[in-house]
Amino acid sequence: MKPERIREKTDGELIKLRDDLQEELFNLRFQLVSRQLDNPLRIRLVRRDLARVKSIMQERHLEKEKQASQKGEGV
């Protein structure tokens, strides 16, 4: 998934996407251990998508903190 498409999502959608990716990663790892995984590359792709989502969530969090601290300085 491209970062631009992830950035278009709301905070709630990002949380849902993160949870879905974590669950998918768990299932893929389970399939890998039980030798039922058809495409091992999918693990890598899901891990990267999960990292992208978490990074964008962290960026938004830091931006909100920065805005909150700037409002506090102006008082």
PDB file of N, CA and C in Angstrom:
ATOM      1  N   MET A   1       0.849  -1.170   0.000  1.00  0.00           N
ATOM      2  CA  MET A   1       0.000   0.000   0.000  1.00  0.00           C
ATOM      3  C   MET A   1       0.900   1.240   0.000  1.00  0.00           C
ATOM      4  N   LYS A   2       0.532   2.189  -0.808  1.00  0.00           N
ATOM      5  CA  LYS A   2       1.333   3.403  -0.932  1.00  0.00           C
ATOM      6  C   LYS A   2       1.066   4.343   0.247  1.00  0.00           C
ATOM      7  N   PRO A   3       2.095   5.060   0.685  1.00  0.00           N
ATOM      8  CA  PRO A   3       1.920   5.988   1.809  1.00  0.00           C
ATOM      9  C   PRO A   3       0.861   7.063   1.542  1.00  0.00           C
ATOM     10  N   GLU A   4       0.713   7.488   0.294  1.00  0.00           N
ATOM     11  CA  GLU A   4      -0.285   8.509  -0.023  1.00  0.00           C
ATOM     12  C   GLU A   4      -1.698   8.001   0.285  1.00  0.00           C
ATOM     13  N   ARG A   5      -1.947   6.736  -0.031  1.00  0.00           N
ATOM     14  CA  ARG A   5      -3.263   6.165   0.237  1.00  0.00           C
ATOM     15  C   ARG A   5      -3.495   6.003   1.739  1.00  0.00           C
ATOM     16  N   ILE A   6      -2.431   5.730   2.475  1.00  0.00           N
ATOM     17  CA  ILE A   6      -2.561   5.594   3.929  1.00  0.00           C
ATOM     18  C   ILE A   6      -2.840   6.959   4.550  1.00  0.00           C
ATOM     19  N   ARG A   7      -2.171   8.002   4.055  1.00  0.00           N
ATOM     20  CA  ARG A   7      -2.352   9.344   4.602  1.00  0.00           C
ATOM     21  C   ARG A   7      -3.769   9.879   4.378  1.00  0.00           C
ATOM     22  N   GLU A   8      -4.458   9.381   3.372  1.00  0.00           N
ATOM     23  CA  GLU A   8      -5.819   9.825   3.081  1.00  0.00           C
ATOM     24  C   GLU A   8      -6.817   9.321   4.116  1.00  0.00           C
ATOM     25  N   LYS A   9      -6.459   8.311   4.864  1.00  0.00           N
ATOM     26  CA  LYS A   9      -7.378   7.689   5.814  1.00  0.00           C
ATOM     27  C   LYS A   9      -7.467   8.514   7.102  1.00  0.00           C
ATOM     28  N   THR A  10      -8.607   8.365   7.779  1.00  0.00           N
ATOM     29  CA  THR A  10      -8.796   9.046   9.061  1.00  0.00           C
ATOM     30  C   THR A  10      -8.073   8.264  10.160  1.00  0.00           C
ATOM     31  N   ASP A  11      -8.022   8.853  11.340  1.00  0.00           N
ATOM     32  CA  ASP A  11      -7.360   8.189  12.465  1.00  0.00           C
ATOM     33  C   ASP A  11      -8.045   6.870  12.815  1.00  0.00           C
ATOM     34  N   GLY A  12      -9.350   6.857  12.802  1.00  0.00           N
ATOM     35  CA  GLY A  12     -10.090   5.632  13.106  1.00  0.00           C
ATOM     36  C   GLY A  12      -9.831   4.535  12.086  1.00  0.00           C
ATOM     37  N   GLU A  13      -9.774   4.941  10.818  1.00  0.00           N
ATOM     38  CA  GLU A  13      -9.490   3.970   9.761  1.00  0.00           C
ATOM     39  C   GLU A  13      -8.074   3.418   9.890  1.00  0.00           C
ATOM     40  N   LEU A  14      -7.135   4.274  10.320  1.00  0.00           N
ATOM     41  CA  LEU A  14      -5.753   3.815  10.508  1.00  0.00           C
ATOM     42  C   LEU A  14      -5.665   2.790  11.627  1.00  0.00           C
ATOM     43  N   ILE A  15      -6.391   3.020  12.693  1.00  0.00           N
ATOM     44  CA  ILE A  15      -6.377   2.075  13.813  1.00  0.00           C
ATOM     45  C   ILE A  15      -6.936   0.732  13.359  1.00  0.00           C
ATOM     46  N   LYS A  16      -8.044   0.762  12.608  1.00  0.00           N
ATOM     47  CA  LYS A  16      -8.641  -0.477  12.091  1.00  0.00           C
ATOM     48  C   LYS A  16      -7.676  -1.179  11.148  1.00  0.00           C
ATOM     49  N   LEU A  17      -7.025  -0.420  10.262  1.00  0.00           N
ATOM     50  CA  LEU A  17      -6.068  -0.991   9.316  1.00  0.00           C
ATOM     51  C   LEU A  17      -4.889  -1.617  10.053  1.00  0.00           C
ATOM     52  N   ARG A  18      -4.389  -0.929  11.088  1.00  0.00           N
ATOM     53  CA  ARG A  18      -3.282  -1.467  11.884  1.00  0.00           C
ATOM     54  C   ARG A  18      -3.667  -2.789  12.529  1.00  0.00           C
ATOM     55  N   ASP A  19      -4.851  -2.830  13.119  1.00  0.00           N
ATOM     56  CA  ASP A  19      -5.318  -4.061  13.764  1.00  0.00           C
ATOM     57  C   ASP A  19      -5.474  -5.197  12.754  1.00  0.00           C
ATOM     58  N   ASP A  20      -6.024  -4.867  11.579  1.00  0.00           N
ATOM     59  CA  ASP A  20      -6.199  -5.887  10.535  1.00  0.00           C
ATOM     60  C   ASP A  20      -4.851  -6.425  10.056  1.00  0.00           C
ATOM     61  N   LEU A  21      -3.885  -5.534   9.886  1.00  0.00           N
ATOM     62  CA  LEU A  21      -2.562  -5.961   9.426  1.00  0.00           C
ATOM     63  C   LEU A  21      -1.862  -6.818  10.481  1.00  0.00           C
ATOM     64  N   GLN A  22      -2.009  -6.455  11.752  1.00  0.00           N
ATOM     65  CA  GLN A  22      -1.401  -7.251  12.812  1.00  0.00           C
ATOM     66  C   GLN A  22      -2.009  -8.650  12.856  1.00  0.00           C
ATOM     67  N   GLU A  23      -3.318  -8.726  12.675  1.00  0.00           N
ATOM     68  CA  GLU A  23      -3.983 -10.028  12.661  1.00  0.00           C
ATOM     69  C   GLU A  23      -3.544 -10.852  11.447  1.00  0.00           C
ATOM     70  N   GLU A  24      -3.444 -10.200  10.296  1.00  0.00           N
ATOM     71  CA  GLU A  24      -3.003 -10.906   9.090  1.00  0.00           C
ATOM     72  C   GLU A  24      -1.568 -11.417   9.243  1.00  0.00           C
ATOM     73  N   LEU A  25      -0.710 -10.595   9.839  1.00  0.00           N
ATOM     74  CA  LEU A  25       0.671 -11.007  10.058  1.00  0.00           C
ATOM     75  C   LEU A  25       0.738 -12.217  10.985  1.00  0.00           C
ATOM     76  N   PHE A  26      -0.068 -12.203  12.039  1.00  0.00           N
ATOM     77  CA  PHE A  26      -0.119 -13.341  12.946  1.00  0.00           C
ATOM     78  C   PHE A  26      -0.532 -14.609  12.198  1.00  0.00           C
ATOM     79  N   ASN A  27      -1.591 -14.487  11.385  1.00  0.00           N
ATOM     80  CA  ASN A  27      -2.071 -15.646  10.636  1.00  0.00           C
ATOM     81  C   ASN A  27      -1.031 -16.148   9.634  1.00  0.00           C
ATOM     82  N   LEU A  28      -0.330 -15.224   8.986  1.00  0.00           N
ATOM     83  CA  LEU A  28       0.707 -15.626   8.028  1.00  0.00           C
ATOM     84  C   LEU A  28       1.852 -16.354   8.726  1.00  0.00           C
ATOM     85  N   ARG A  29       2.242 -15.857   9.891  1.00  0.00           N
ATOM     86  CA  ARG A  29       3.310 -16.518  10.635  1.00  0.00           C
ATOM     87  C   ARG A  29       2.873 -17.912  11.088  1.00  0.00           C
ATOM     88  N   PHE A  30       1.616 -18.017  11.481  1.00  0.00           N
ATOM     89  CA  PHE A  30       1.080 -19.319  11.882  1.00  0.00           C
ATOM     90  C   PHE A  30       1.113 -20.292  10.707  1.00  0.00           C
ATOM     91  N   GLN A  31       0.714 -19.814   9.537  1.00  0.00           N
ATOM     92  CA  GLN A  31       0.738 -20.650   8.335  1.00  0.00           C
ATOM     93  C   GLN A  31       2.164 -21.041   7.968  1.00  0.00           C
ATOM     94  N   LEU A  32       3.105 -20.141   8.178  1.00  0.00           N
ATOM     95  CA  LEU A  32       4.498 -20.432   7.870  1.00  0.00           C
ATOM     96  C   LEU A  32       5.015 -21.579   8.737  1.00  0.00           C
ATOM     97  N   VAL A  33       4.708 -21.522  10.014  1.00  0.00           N
ATOM     98  CA  VAL A  33       5.167 -22.560  10.940  1.00  0.00           C
ATOM     99  C   VAL A  33       4.524 -23.908  10.625  1.00  0.00           C
ATOM    100  N   SER A  34       3.260 -23.867  10.230  1.00  0.00           N
ATOM    101  CA  SER A  34       2.572 -25.121   9.924  1.00  0.00           C
ATOM    102  C   SER A  34       2.758 -25.559   8.472  1.00  0.00           C
ATOM    103  N   ARG A  35       3.635 -24.865   7.769  1.00  0.00           N
ATOM    104  CA  ARG A  35       3.992 -25.182   6.374  1.00  0.00           C
ATOM    105  C   ARG A  35       2.795 -25.143   5.431  1.00  0.00           C
ATOM    106  N   GLN A  36       1.905 -24.209   5.643  1.00  0.00           N
ATOM    107  CA  GLN A  36       0.742 -24.054   4.776  1.00  0.00           C
ATOM    108  C   GLN A  36       0.781 -22.746   3.990  1.00  0.00           C
ATOM    109  N   LEU A  37       1.859 -21.985   4.148  1.00  0.00           N
ATOM    110  CA  LEU A  37       1.959 -20.679   3.501  1.00  0.00           C
ATOM    111  C   LEU A  37       2.372 -20.846   2.050  1.00  0.00           C
ATOM    112  N   ASP A  38       1.551 -20.295   1.141  1.00  0.00           N
ATOM    113  CA  ASP A  38       1.845 -20.403  -0.285  1.00  0.00           C
ATOM    114  C   ASP A  38       2.832 -19.338  -0.756  1.00  0.00           C
ATOM    115  N   ASN A  39       2.716 -18.137  -0.205  1.00  0.00           N
ATOM    116  CA  ASN A  39       3.532 -17.025  -0.665  1.00  0.00           C
ATOM    117  C   ASN A  39       4.263 -16.385   0.520  1.00  0.00           C
ATOM    118  N   PRO A  40       5.497 -16.793   0.801  1.00  0.00           N
ATOM    119  CA  PRO A  40       6.227 -16.239   1.942  1.00  0.00           C
ATOM    120  C   PRO A  40       6.533 -14.744   1.798  1.00  0.00           C
ATOM    121  N   LEU A  41       6.522 -14.240   0.574  1.00  0.00           N
ATOM    122  CA  LEU A  41       6.776 -12.817   0.354  1.00  0.00           C
ATOM    123  C   LEU A  41       5.678 -11.961   0.980  1.00  0.00           C
ATOM    124  N   ARG A  42       4.498 -12.515   1.144  1.00  0.00           N
ATOM    125  CA  ARG A  42       3.374 -11.767   1.714  1.00  0.00           C
ATOM    126  C   ARG A  42       3.691 -11.296   3.131  1.00  0.00           C
ATOM    127  N   ILE A  43       4.457 -12.065   3.887  1.00  0.00           N
ATOM    128  CA  ILE A  43       4.842 -11.665   5.250  1.00  0.00           C
ATOM    129  C   ILE A  43       5.620 -10.359   5.197  1.00  0.00           C
ATOM    130  N   ARG A  44       6.551 -10.285   4.290  1.00  0.00           N
ATOM    131  CA  ARG A  44       7.378  -9.086   4.140  1.00  0.00           C
ATOM    132  C   ARG A  44       6.522  -7.872   3.777  1.00  0.00           C
ATOM    133  N   LEU A  45       5.590  -8.052   2.854  1.00  0.00           N
ATOM    134  CA  LEU A  45       4.740  -6.948   2.422  1.00  0.00           C
ATOM    135  C   LEU A  45       3.831  -6.458   3.549  1.00  0.00           C
ATOM    136  N   VAL A  46       3.288  -7.389   4.310  1.00  0.00           N
ATOM    137  CA  VAL A  46       2.408  -7.011   5.422  1.00  0.00           C
ATOM    138  C   VAL A  46       3.208  -6.290   6.504  1.00  0.00           C
ATOM    139  N   ARG A  47       4.413  -6.777   6.794  1.00  0.00           N
ATOM    140  CA  ARG A  47       5.252  -6.113   7.795  1.00  0.00           C
ATOM    141  C   ARG A  47       5.558  -4.676   7.385  1.00  0.00           C
ATOM    142  N   ARG A  48       5.848  -4.470   6.117  1.00  0.00           N
ATOM    143  CA  ARG A  48       6.164  -3.116   5.642  1.00  0.00           C
ATOM    144  C   ARG A  48       4.941  -2.208   5.675  1.00  0.00           C
ATOM    145  N   ASP A  49       3.789  -2.742   5.286  1.00  0.00           N
ATOM    146  CA  ASP A  49       2.566  -1.945   5.353  1.00  0.00           C
ATOM    147  C   ASP A  49       2.253  -1.567   6.794  1.00  0.00           C
ATOM    148  N   LEU A  50       2.438  -2.512   7.701  1.00  0.00           N
ATOM    149  CA  LEU A  50       2.204  -2.240   9.117  1.00  0.00           C
ATOM    150  C   LEU A  50       3.146  -1.150   9.619  1.00  0.00           C
ATOM    151  N   ALA A  51       4.387  -1.197   9.225  1.00  0.00           N
ATOM    152  CA  ALA A  51       5.358  -0.169   9.622  1.00  0.00           C
ATOM    153  C   ALA A  51       4.963   1.193   9.058  1.00  0.00           C
ATOM    154  N   ARG A  52       4.476   1.217   7.830  1.00  0.00           N
ATOM    155  CA  ARG A  52       4.036   2.483   7.229  1.00  0.00           C
ATOM    156  C   ARG A  52       2.871   3.081   8.010  1.00  0.00           C
ATOM    157  N   VAL A  53       1.910   2.244   8.339  1.00  0.00           N
ATOM    158  CA  VAL A  53       0.741   2.718   9.089  1.00  0.00           C
ATOM    159  C   VAL A  53       1.179   3.263  10.445  1.00  0.00           C
ATOM    160  N   LYS A  54       2.025   2.531  11.141  1.00  0.00           N
ATOM    161  CA  LYS A  54       2.490   2.979  12.458  1.00  0.00           C
ATOM    162  C   LYS A  54       3.281   4.280  12.360  1.00  0.00           C
ATOM    163  N   SER A  55       4.082   4.421  11.326  1.00  0.00           N
ATOM    164  CA  SER A  55       4.864   5.645  11.132  1.00  0.00           C
ATOM    165  C   SER A  55       3.955   6.849  10.910  1.00  0.00           C
ATOM    166  N   ILE A  56       2.942   6.684  10.093  1.00  0.00           N
ATOM    167  CA  ILE A  56       2.023   7.792   9.818  1.00  0.00           C
ATOM    168  C   ILE A  56       1.210   8.136  11.063  1.00  0.00           C
ATOM    169  N   MET A  57       0.826   7.123  11.821  1.00  0.00           N
ATOM    170  CA  MET A  57       0.124   7.387  13.073  1.00  0.00           C
ATOM    171  C   MET A  57       1.010   8.169  14.041  1.00  0.00           C
ATOM    172  N   GLN A  58       2.286   7.825  14.095  1.00  0.00           N
ATOM    173  CA  GLN A  58       3.223   8.533  14.976  1.00  0.00           C
ATOM    174  C   GLN A  58       3.424   9.970  14.501  1.00  0.00           C
ATOM    175  N   GLU A  59       3.522  10.182  13.191  1.00  0.00           N
ATOM    176  CA  GLU A  59       3.660  11.536  12.651  1.00  0.00           C
ATOM    177  C   GLU A  59       2.478  12.402  13.071  1.00  0.00           C
ATOM    178  N   ARG A  60       1.277  11.855  12.935  1.00  0.00           N
ATOM    179  CA  ARG A  60       0.078  12.606  13.306  1.00  0.00           C
ATOM    180  C   ARG A  60       0.060  12.906  14.793  1.00  0.00           C
ATOM    181  N   HIS A  61       0.468  11.946  15.604  1.00  0.00           N
ATOM    182  CA  HIS A  61       0.506  12.142  17.053  1.00  0.00           C
ATOM    183  C   HIS A  61       1.470  13.269  17.415  1.00  0.00           C
ATOM    184  N   LEU A  62       2.658  13.247  16.819  1.00  0.00           N
ATOM    185  CA  LEU A  62       3.644  14.281  17.116  1.00  0.00           C
ATOM    186  C   LEU A  62       3.178  15.652  16.637  1.00  0.00           C
ATOM    187  N   GLU A  63       2.494  15.695  15.504  1.00  0.00           N
ATOM    188  CA  GLU A  63       1.971  16.956  14.993  1.00  0.00           C
ATOM    189  C   GLU A  63       0.918  17.534  15.935  1.00  0.00           C
ATOM    190  N   LYS A  64       0.058  16.665  16.475  1.00  0.00           N
ATOM    191  CA  LYS A  64      -0.957  17.124  17.417  1.00  0.00           C
ATOM    192  C   LYS A  64      -0.321  17.659  18.692  1.00  0.00           C
ATOM    193  N   GLU A  65       0.723  16.982  19.176  1.00  0.00           N
ATOM    194  CA  GLU A  65       1.425  17.455  20.373  1.00  0.00           C
ATOM    195  C   GLU A  65       2.091  18.797  20.116  1.00  0.00           C
ATOM    196  N   LYS A  66       2.659  18.945  18.939  1.00  0.00           N
ATOM    197  CA  LYS A  66       3.327  20.200  18.587  1.00  0.00           C
ATOM    198  C   LYS A  66       2.318  21.339  18.547  1.00  0.00           C
ATOM    199  N   GLN A  67       1.161  21.096  17.951  1.00  0.00           N
ATOM    200  CA  GLN A  67       0.128  22.126  17.891  1.00  0.00           C
ATOM    201  C   GLN A  67      -0.390  22.471  19.282  1.00  0.00           C
ATOM    202  N   ALA A  68      -0.541  21.477  20.130  1.00  0.00           N
ATOM    203  CA  ALA A  68      -1.019  21.710  21.488  1.00  0.00           C
ATOM    204  C   ALA A  68      -0.012  22.524  22.293  1.00  0.00           C
ATOM    205  N   SER A  69       1.270  22.249  22.102  1.00  0.00           N
ATOM    206  CA  SER A  69       2.277  23.008  22.859  1.00  0.00           C
ATOM    207  C   SER A  69       2.392  24.441  22.341  1.00  0.00           C
ATOM    208  N   GLN A  70       2.154  24.647  21.058  1.00  0.00           N
ATOM    209  CA  GLN A  70       2.191  26.004  20.520  1.00  0.00           C
ATOM    210  C   GLN A  70       1.009  26.826  21.018  1.00  0.00           C
ATOM    211  N   LYS A  71      -0.130  26.199  21.194  1.00  0.00           N
ATOM    212  CA  LYS A  71      -1.293  26.905  21.734  1.00  0.00           C
ATOM    213  C   LYS A  71      -1.042  27.303  23.171  1.00  0.00           C
ATOM    214  N   GLY A  72      -0.360  26.455  23.908  1.00  0.00           N
ATOM    215  CA  GLY A  72      -0.057  26.728  25.304  1.00  0.00           C
ATOM    216  C   GLY A  72       0.926  27.868  25.477  1.00  0.00           C
ATOM    217  N   GLU A  73       1.850  28.052  24.540  1.00  0.00           N
ATOM    218  CA  GLU A  73       2.850  29.122  24.630  1.00  0.00           C
ATOM    219  C   GLU A  73       2.227  30.480  24.379  1.00  0.00           C
ATOM    220  N   GLY A  74       1.197  30.551  23.560  1.00  0.00           N
ATOM    221  CA  GLY A  74       0.591  31.814  23.203  1.00  0.00           C
ATOM    222  C   GLY A  74      -0.262  32.418  24.311  1.00  0.00           C
ATOM    223  N   VAL A  75      -0.511  31.692  25.364  1.00  0.00           N
ATOM    224  CA  VAL A  75      -1.383  32.174  26.451  1.00  0.00           C
ATOM    225  C   VAL A  75      -0.662  33.039  27.392  1.00  0.00           C
TER     226      VAL A  75
END
